Amino acid sequence: MKGVASKKPFYMGYQYILGPGEYPDYHSWMGFNNCVRSCQMLSPYRGSYKMRIYNRPDLMGNMMEFMDDCPNVYERFRYSDIYSCNILEGFWIFYEHPNYKGRQYFLRPGEYRACGDWGCHNPMVGSFRRIRTLM
C-alpha cells in the first residue's frame, strides 16, 4: 500500500508519495528536509482516470483533458503553467519538473481552482502521472 507524507499538518505543503519499503532518512524519499507533520494511506483504486488542466485560474482559459501520464507538460500543452485543474476520476501526482522529478503534489478527485489549492506556490507543473498501483 502507498501513502502520502506531507510537510505541514492537515496534509498541506510539500508532499511525498511513498510505497512499501524502508526510508532511513529524508534523502531516500527525495525530501527537502526531515519534516513530516501528517501522513495518510491511499486506498486501493482500480477505476479509470480523467482530468482537465487549465492555463488560467478558476478553470478558465485553454483546457486539455488527459487520461494518461504526461512526462513533459510543455511538450504536450505548449506551456507549463497550470493554474487550475479538475480531477474527474482517479488519483494523480503533479511534479515540479519534467520526467517526474522535483516536488510532488497529490490530487484527489475534485476542483482545484488555483495552484495553491493543491499546495503549490507557483503554477509550474513539469509532469504528471496517475497513481495506478496502490498496493
N, C-alpha and C. Protein backbone atom coordinates (compact mmCIF):
# COMPACT_ATOMS: atom_id res chain seq x y z
N MET A 1 0.84 -1.17 0.00
CA MET A 1 0.00 0.00 0.00
C MET A 1 0.89 1.24 0.00
N LYS A 2 0.45 2.31 -0.63
CA LYS A 2 1.20 3.56 -0.67
C LYS A 2 0.60 4.57 0.28
N GLY A 3 1.39 5.57 0.59
CA GLY A 3 0.94 6.65 1.46
C GLY A 3 1.47 7.99 0.99
N VAL A 4 0.91 9.05 1.53
CA VAL A 4 1.34 10.42 1.22
C VAL A 4 1.81 11.06 2.52
N ALA A 5 3.07 11.46 2.57
CA ALA A 5 3.62 12.18 3.70
C ALA A 5 3.63 13.66 3.34
N SER A 6 3.17 14.52 4.25
CA SER A 6 3.08 15.96 4.00
C SER A 6 3.94 16.73 4.98
N LYS A 7 4.50 17.83 4.49
CA LYS A 7 5.39 18.65 5.31
C LYS A 7 4.64 19.42 6.39
N LYS A 8 3.36 19.73 6.14
CA LYS A 8 2.58 20.54 7.09
C LYS A 8 1.41 19.72 7.63
N PRO A 9 0.83 20.17 8.75
CA PRO A 9 -0.36 19.49 9.28
C PRO A 9 -1.53 19.54 8.28
N PHE A 10 -2.46 18.65 8.45
CA PHE A 10 -3.68 18.58 7.63
C PHE A 10 -3.38 18.34 6.15
N TYR A 11 -2.30 17.60 5.87
CA TYR A 11 -1.94 17.17 4.52
C TYR A 11 -1.64 18.33 3.58
N MET A 12 -1.08 19.38 4.10
CA MET A 12 -0.73 20.56 3.30
C MET A 12 0.79 20.61 3.12
N GLY A 13 1.23 21.49 2.24
CA GLY A 13 2.65 21.68 2.00
C GLY A 13 3.21 20.63 1.06
N TYR A 14 4.52 20.55 1.01
CA TYR A 14 5.17 19.59 0.13
C TYR A 14 4.72 18.19 0.50
N GLN A 15 4.55 17.38 -0.53
CA GLN A 15 4.04 16.03 -0.33
C GLN A 15 4.99 15.03 -0.97
N TYR A 16 5.01 13.84 -0.40
CA TYR A 16 5.86 12.77 -0.89
C TYR A 16 5.03 11.49 -0.96
N ILE A 17 4.99 10.87 -2.14
CA ILE A 17 4.28 9.61 -2.31
C ILE A 17 5.26 8.49 -1.98
N LEU A 18 4.92 7.69 -1.00
CA LEU A 18 5.83 6.65 -0.52
C LEU A 18 5.19 5.28 -0.69
N GLY A 19 5.93 4.37 -1.28
CA GLY A 19 5.48 3.00 -1.43
C GLY A 19 6.08 2.13 -0.33
N PRO A 20 5.81 0.83 -0.37
CA PRO A 20 6.38 -0.06 0.64
C PRO A 20 7.90 0.00 0.60
N GLY A 21 8.51 -0.08 1.75
CA GLY A 21 9.97 -0.09 1.82
C GLY A 21 10.48 0.66 3.03
N GLU A 22 11.79 0.71 3.15
CA GLU A 22 12.43 1.41 4.25
C GLU A 22 12.97 2.75 3.77
N TYR A 23 12.86 3.75 4.60
CA TYR A 23 13.33 5.10 4.29
C TYR A 23 14.19 5.57 5.46
N PRO A 24 15.49 5.26 5.43
CA PRO A 24 16.34 5.57 6.58
C PRO A 24 16.53 7.06 6.84
N ASP A 25 16.38 7.89 5.82
CA ASP A 25 16.45 9.34 6.01
C ASP A 25 15.65 10.02 4.90
N TYR A 26 15.47 11.33 5.02
CA TYR A 26 14.61 12.05 4.07
C TYR A 26 15.17 12.07 2.65
N HIS A 27 16.46 11.87 2.48
CA HIS A 27 17.02 11.82 1.13
C HIS A 27 16.48 10.61 0.36
N SER A 28 16.19 9.53 1.06
CA SER A 28 15.75 8.31 0.39
C SER A 28 14.35 8.44 -0.19
N TRP A 29 13.56 9.42 0.23
CA TRP A 29 12.25 9.65 -0.39
C TRP A 29 12.24 10.96 -1.17
N MET A 30 13.44 11.51 -1.45
CA MET A 30 13.61 12.75 -2.23
C MET A 30 13.07 13.96 -1.49
N GLY A 31 13.10 13.90 -0.17
CA GLY A 31 12.62 15.01 0.66
C GLY A 31 13.60 16.16 0.67
N PHE A 32 13.09 17.36 0.92
CA PHE A 32 13.93 18.55 1.01
C PHE A 32 14.42 18.79 2.43
N ASN A 33 13.75 18.17 3.40
CA ASN A 33 14.20 18.22 4.79
C ASN A 33 13.51 17.07 5.53
N ASN A 34 13.78 16.95 6.82
CA ASN A 34 13.26 15.80 7.56
C ASN A 34 11.94 16.09 8.27
N CYS A 35 11.21 17.09 7.82
CA CYS A 35 9.97 17.49 8.47
C CYS A 35 8.76 16.80 7.83
N VAL A 36 8.06 15.98 8.59
CA VAL A 36 6.79 15.38 8.17
C VAL A 36 5.80 15.63 9.29
N ARG A 37 4.70 16.34 9.00
CA ARG A 37 3.71 16.69 10.02
C ARG A 37 2.42 15.91 9.91
N SER A 38 2.16 15.30 8.74
CA SER A 38 0.96 14.50 8.60
C SER A 38 1.19 13.47 7.50
N CYS A 39 0.45 12.38 7.56
CA CYS A 39 0.53 11.37 6.51
C CYS A 39 -0.80 10.62 6.43
N GLN A 40 -1.05 10.04 5.27
CA GLN A 40 -2.29 9.31 5.07
C GLN A 40 -2.04 8.15 4.13
N MET A 41 -2.76 7.07 4.33
CA MET A 41 -2.67 5.90 3.45
C MET A 41 -3.59 6.12 2.26
N LEU A 42 -3.19 5.60 1.13
CA LEU A 42 -4.02 5.68 -0.07
C LEU A 42 -4.81 4.39 -0.22
N SER A 43 -6.08 4.52 -0.42
CA SER A 43 -6.95 3.35 -0.61
C SER A 43 -6.73 2.78 -2.00
N PRO A 44 -6.91 1.47 -2.15
CA PRO A 44 -6.79 0.87 -3.48
C PRO A 44 -7.78 1.50 -4.45
N TYR A 45 -7.32 1.72 -5.68
CA TYR A 45 -8.17 2.30 -6.72
C TYR A 45 -7.93 1.56 -8.01
N ARG A 46 -8.97 1.06 -8.62
CA ARG A 46 -8.83 0.31 -9.86
C ARG A 46 -9.74 0.86 -10.96
N GLY A 47 -10.18 2.08 -10.82
CA GLY A 47 -11.09 2.67 -11.80
C GLY A 47 -10.37 3.35 -12.95
N SER A 48 -11.07 4.23 -13.63
CA SER A 48 -10.50 4.96 -14.76
C SER A 48 -9.92 6.30 -14.28
N TYR A 49 -9.24 6.98 -15.19
CA TYR A 49 -8.55 8.22 -14.87
C TYR A 49 -8.93 9.28 -15.89
N LYS A 50 -9.23 10.48 -15.38
CA LYS A 50 -9.51 11.60 -16.27
C LYS A 50 -9.32 12.90 -15.50
N MET A 51 -8.62 13.84 -16.14
CA MET A 51 -8.50 15.17 -15.54
C MET A 51 -8.43 16.22 -16.64
N ARG A 52 -8.79 17.42 -16.28
CA ARG A 52 -8.71 18.58 -17.16
C ARG A 52 -7.79 19.61 -16.52
N ILE A 53 -6.85 20.12 -17.31
CA ILE A 53 -5.96 21.17 -16.82
C ILE A 53 -6.22 22.44 -17.59
N TYR A 54 -6.00 23.58 -16.93
CA TYR A 54 -6.30 24.90 -17.49
C TYR A 54 -5.11 25.84 -17.31
N ASN A 55 -4.95 26.76 -18.24
CA ASN A 55 -3.84 27.71 -18.13
C ASN A 55 -4.25 29.02 -17.46
N ARG A 56 -5.41 29.04 -16.84
CA ARG A 56 -5.88 30.20 -16.07
C ARG A 56 -6.55 29.72 -14.78
N PRO A 57 -6.59 30.57 -13.76
CA PRO A 57 -7.31 30.19 -12.53
C PRO A 57 -8.81 30.00 -12.78
N ASP A 58 -9.48 29.40 -11.82
CA ASP A 58 -10.93 29.21 -11.84
C ASP A 58 -11.42 28.39 -13.02
N LEU A 59 -10.62 27.41 -13.45
CA LEU A 59 -11.00 26.50 -14.54
C LEU A 59 -11.32 27.26 -15.82
N MET A 60 -10.51 28.27 -16.11
CA MET A 60 -10.71 29.12 -17.29
C MET A 60 -9.50 29.00 -18.22
N GLY A 61 -9.64 29.57 -19.40
CA GLY A 61 -8.55 29.57 -20.38
C GLY A 61 -8.53 28.30 -21.19
N ASN A 62 -7.37 28.04 -21.80
CA ASN A 62 -7.22 26.83 -22.60
C ASN A 62 -7.29 25.60 -21.71
N MET A 63 -7.99 24.59 -22.18
CA MET A 63 -8.19 23.37 -21.42
C MET A 63 -7.70 22.19 -22.24
N MET A 64 -7.07 21.23 -21.55
CA MET A 64 -6.73 19.95 -22.16
C MET A 64 -7.19 18.85 -21.22
N GLU A 65 -7.66 17.78 -21.79
CA GLU A 65 -8.12 16.64 -21.00
C GLU A 65 -7.12 15.50 -21.14
N PHE A 66 -6.82 14.85 -20.02
CA PHE A 66 -5.86 13.75 -20.01
C PHE A 66 -6.46 12.54 -19.32
N MET A 67 -6.06 11.37 -19.83
CA MET A 67 -6.42 10.11 -19.20
C MET A 67 -5.19 9.23 -18.99
N ASP A 68 -4.02 9.80 -19.29
CA ASP A 68 -2.78 9.05 -19.14
C ASP A 68 -1.67 9.95 -18.61
N ASP A 69 -0.53 9.38 -18.37
CA ASP A 69 0.61 10.10 -17.81
C ASP A 69 1.18 11.09 -18.83
N CYS A 70 1.86 12.10 -18.33
CA CYS A 70 2.49 13.09 -19.18
C CYS A 70 3.88 13.41 -18.62
N PRO A 71 4.95 12.90 -19.25
CA PRO A 71 6.29 13.13 -18.73
C PRO A 71 6.82 14.55 -18.95
N ASN A 72 6.21 15.29 -19.90
CA ASN A 72 6.66 16.66 -20.14
C ASN A 72 5.45 17.51 -20.55
N VAL A 73 4.97 18.30 -19.61
CA VAL A 73 3.77 19.12 -19.85
C VAL A 73 4.00 20.12 -20.96
N TYR A 74 5.16 20.74 -21.00
CA TYR A 74 5.41 21.76 -22.02
C TYR A 74 5.30 21.18 -23.44
N GLU A 75 5.84 20.00 -23.64
CA GLU A 75 5.78 19.39 -24.98
C GLU A 75 4.35 19.08 -25.40
N ARG A 76 3.48 18.73 -24.47
CA ARG A 76 2.09 18.39 -24.82
C ARG A 76 1.15 19.58 -24.80
N PHE A 77 1.37 20.51 -23.87
CA PHE A 77 0.42 21.60 -23.64
C PHE A 77 0.92 22.93 -24.23
N ARG A 78 2.20 23.00 -24.59
CA ARG A 78 2.88 24.18 -25.13
C ARG A 78 3.13 25.28 -24.12
N TYR A 79 2.81 25.04 -22.89
CA TYR A 79 3.23 25.87 -21.77
C TYR A 79 3.12 25.02 -20.52
N SER A 80 3.87 25.38 -19.50
CA SER A 80 3.89 24.53 -18.32
C SER A 80 3.21 25.18 -17.12
N ASP A 81 2.60 26.33 -17.32
CA ASP A 81 1.86 26.96 -16.23
C ASP A 81 0.45 26.40 -16.19
N ILE A 82 0.17 25.63 -15.16
CA ILE A 82 -1.17 25.09 -14.94
C ILE A 82 -1.72 25.81 -13.72
N TYR A 83 -2.71 26.63 -13.94
CA TYR A 83 -3.27 27.45 -12.87
C TYR A 83 -4.44 26.79 -12.15
N SER A 84 -5.11 25.86 -12.81
CA SER A 84 -6.23 25.17 -12.19
C SER A 84 -6.43 23.83 -12.89
N CYS A 85 -7.16 22.94 -12.22
CA CYS A 85 -7.45 21.64 -12.82
C CYS A 85 -8.70 21.05 -12.18
N ASN A 86 -9.27 20.12 -12.88
CA ASN A 86 -10.43 19.38 -12.39
C ASN A 86 -10.11 17.90 -12.51
N ILE A 87 -9.94 17.25 -11.38
CA ILE A 87 -9.68 15.81 -11.38
C ILE A 87 -11.05 15.13 -11.38
N LEU A 88 -11.38 14.55 -12.50
CA LEU A 88 -12.69 13.91 -12.68
C LEU A 88 -12.70 12.47 -12.17
N GLU A 89 -11.61 11.74 -12.42
CA GLU A 89 -11.54 10.35 -12.00
C GLU A 89 -10.11 9.99 -11.65
N GLY A 90 -9.93 9.21 -10.62
CA GLY A 90 -8.62 8.69 -10.25
C GLY A 90 -7.83 9.63 -9.35
N PHE A 91 -6.64 9.18 -9.01
CA PHE A 91 -5.70 9.94 -8.19
C PHE A 91 -4.48 10.25 -9.04
N TRP A 92 -3.98 11.47 -8.93
CA TRP A 92 -2.89 11.95 -9.77
C TRP A 92 -1.79 12.58 -8.92
N ILE A 93 -0.59 12.63 -9.49
CA ILE A 93 0.53 13.34 -8.87
C ILE A 93 1.05 14.36 -9.88
N PHE A 94 1.14 15.62 -9.45
CA PHE A 94 1.81 16.66 -10.22
C PHE A 94 3.25 16.72 -9.73
N TYR A 95 4.19 16.88 -10.66
CA TYR A 95 5.61 17.04 -10.33
C TYR A 95 6.07 18.41 -10.79
N GLU A 96 6.98 18.98 -10.05
CA GLU A 96 7.51 20.31 -10.33
C GLU A 96 8.28 20.36 -11.66
N HIS A 97 8.96 19.28 -12.01
CA HIS A 97 9.83 19.26 -13.20
C HIS A 97 9.41 18.14 -14.15
N PRO A 98 9.86 18.21 -15.41
CA PRO A 98 9.60 17.11 -16.35
C PRO A 98 10.19 15.79 -15.86
N ASN A 99 9.70 14.72 -16.43
CA ASN A 99 10.17 13.36 -16.15
C ASN A 99 10.02 12.96 -14.69
N TYR A 100 8.94 13.45 -14.07
CA TYR A 100 8.53 13.03 -12.73
C TYR A 100 9.61 13.33 -11.67
N LYS A 101 10.13 14.53 -11.73
CA LYS A 101 11.18 14.97 -10.80
C LYS A 101 10.69 16.18 -10.00
N GLY A 102 11.33 16.41 -8.87
CA GLY A 102 11.03 17.58 -8.06
C GLY A 102 9.90 17.36 -7.08
N ARG A 103 9.38 18.46 -6.59
CA ARG A 103 8.30 18.40 -5.59
C ARG A 103 7.09 17.69 -6.18
N GLN A 104 6.36 17.00 -5.30
CA GLN A 104 5.19 16.22 -5.70
C GLN A 104 3.95 16.81 -5.06
N TYR A 105 2.84 16.73 -5.78
CA TYR A 105 1.56 17.20 -5.26
C TYR A 105 0.51 16.14 -5.58
N PHE A 106 -0.10 15.63 -4.54
CA PHE A 106 -1.11 14.57 -4.65
C PHE A 106 -2.48 15.21 -4.87
N LEU A 107 -3.21 14.77 -5.89
CA LEU A 107 -4.52 15.31 -6.18
C LEU A 107 -5.57 14.21 -6.21
N ARG A 108 -6.61 14.42 -5.41
CA ARG A 108 -7.79 13.55 -5.37
C ARG A 108 -8.83 14.12 -6.34
N PRO A 109 -9.88 13.36 -6.64
CA PRO A 109 -10.95 13.92 -7.47
C PRO A 109 -11.53 15.19 -6.84
N GLY A 110 -11.76 16.18 -7.68
CA GLY A 110 -12.31 17.46 -7.24
C GLY A 110 -11.77 18.62 -8.07
N GLU A 111 -12.29 19.79 -7.80
CA GLU A 111 -11.87 21.01 -8.49
C GLU A 111 -10.77 21.71 -7.70
N TYR A 112 -9.74 22.10 -8.40
CA TYR A 112 -8.63 22.87 -7.84
C TYR A 112 -8.58 24.18 -8.63
N ARG A 113 -9.19 25.22 -8.08
CA ARG A 113 -9.37 26.48 -8.81
C ARG A 113 -8.13 27.35 -8.87
N ALA A 114 -7.12 27.05 -8.07
CA ALA A 114 -5.85 27.77 -8.10
C ALA A 114 -4.76 26.80 -7.69
N CYS A 115 -3.54 27.06 -8.13
CA CYS A 115 -2.45 26.13 -7.81
C CYS A 115 -2.24 26.01 -6.31
N GLY A 116 -2.55 27.01 -5.55
CA GLY A 116 -2.45 26.92 -4.09
C GLY A 116 -3.39 25.87 -3.51
N ASP A 117 -4.46 25.53 -4.22
CA ASP A 117 -5.39 24.51 -3.75
C ASP A 117 -4.76 23.13 -3.66
N TRP A 118 -3.72 22.87 -4.46
CA TRP A 118 -3.03 21.60 -4.36
C TRP A 118 -1.68 21.75 -3.64
N GLY A 119 -1.43 22.94 -3.05
CA GLY A 119 -0.28 23.13 -2.19
C GLY A 119 0.94 23.74 -2.83
N CYS A 120 0.83 24.18 -4.05
CA CYS A 120 1.97 24.72 -4.79
C CYS A 120 1.96 26.25 -4.70
N HIS A 121 3.16 26.84 -4.78
CA HIS A 121 3.26 28.30 -4.68
C HIS A 121 3.34 28.99 -6.04
N ASN A 122 3.64 28.25 -7.08
CA ASN A 122 3.61 28.81 -8.43
C ASN A 122 2.97 27.78 -9.35
N PRO A 123 2.48 28.21 -10.50
CA PRO A 123 1.71 27.31 -11.36
C PRO A 123 2.54 26.36 -12.22
N MET A 124 3.84 26.32 -12.02
CA MET A 124 4.72 25.49 -12.85
C MET A 124 4.54 24.01 -12.55
N VAL A 125 4.11 23.26 -13.53
CA VAL A 125 3.99 21.80 -13.43
C VAL A 125 4.78 21.22 -14.59
N GLY A 126 5.77 20.42 -14.29
CA GLY A 126 6.62 19.86 -15.33
C GLY A 126 6.13 18.53 -15.88
N SER A 127 5.45 17.74 -15.05
CA SER A 127 4.94 16.43 -15.47
C SER A 127 3.86 15.99 -14.50
N PHE A 128 3.10 15.00 -14.90
CA PHE A 128 2.11 14.41 -14.00
C PHE A 128 1.88 12.97 -14.39
N ARG A 129 1.39 12.21 -13.43
CA ARG A 129 1.04 10.82 -13.71
C ARG A 129 -0.06 10.32 -12.79
N ARG A 130 -0.67 9.24 -13.24
CA ARG A 130 -1.72 8.59 -12.47
C ARG A 130 -1.07 7.74 -11.38
N ILE A 131 -1.75 7.62 -10.27
CA ILE A 131 -1.31 6.65 -9.26
C ILE A 131 -2.06 5.37 -9.61
N ARG A 132 -1.38 4.47 -10.28
CA ARG A 132 -2.02 3.27 -10.81
C ARG A 132 -1.98 2.10 -9.86
N THR A 133 -0.86 1.86 -9.22
CA THR A 133 -0.72 0.70 -8.35
C THR A 133 -0.66 1.20 -6.92
N LEU A 134 -1.68 0.95 -6.18
CA LEU A 134 -1.73 1.42 -4.81
C LEU A 134 -1.41 0.30 -3.82
N MET A 135 -1.20 -0.88 -4.28
CA MET A 135 -0.89 -1.98 -3.36
C MET A 135 0.47 -2.54 -3.69
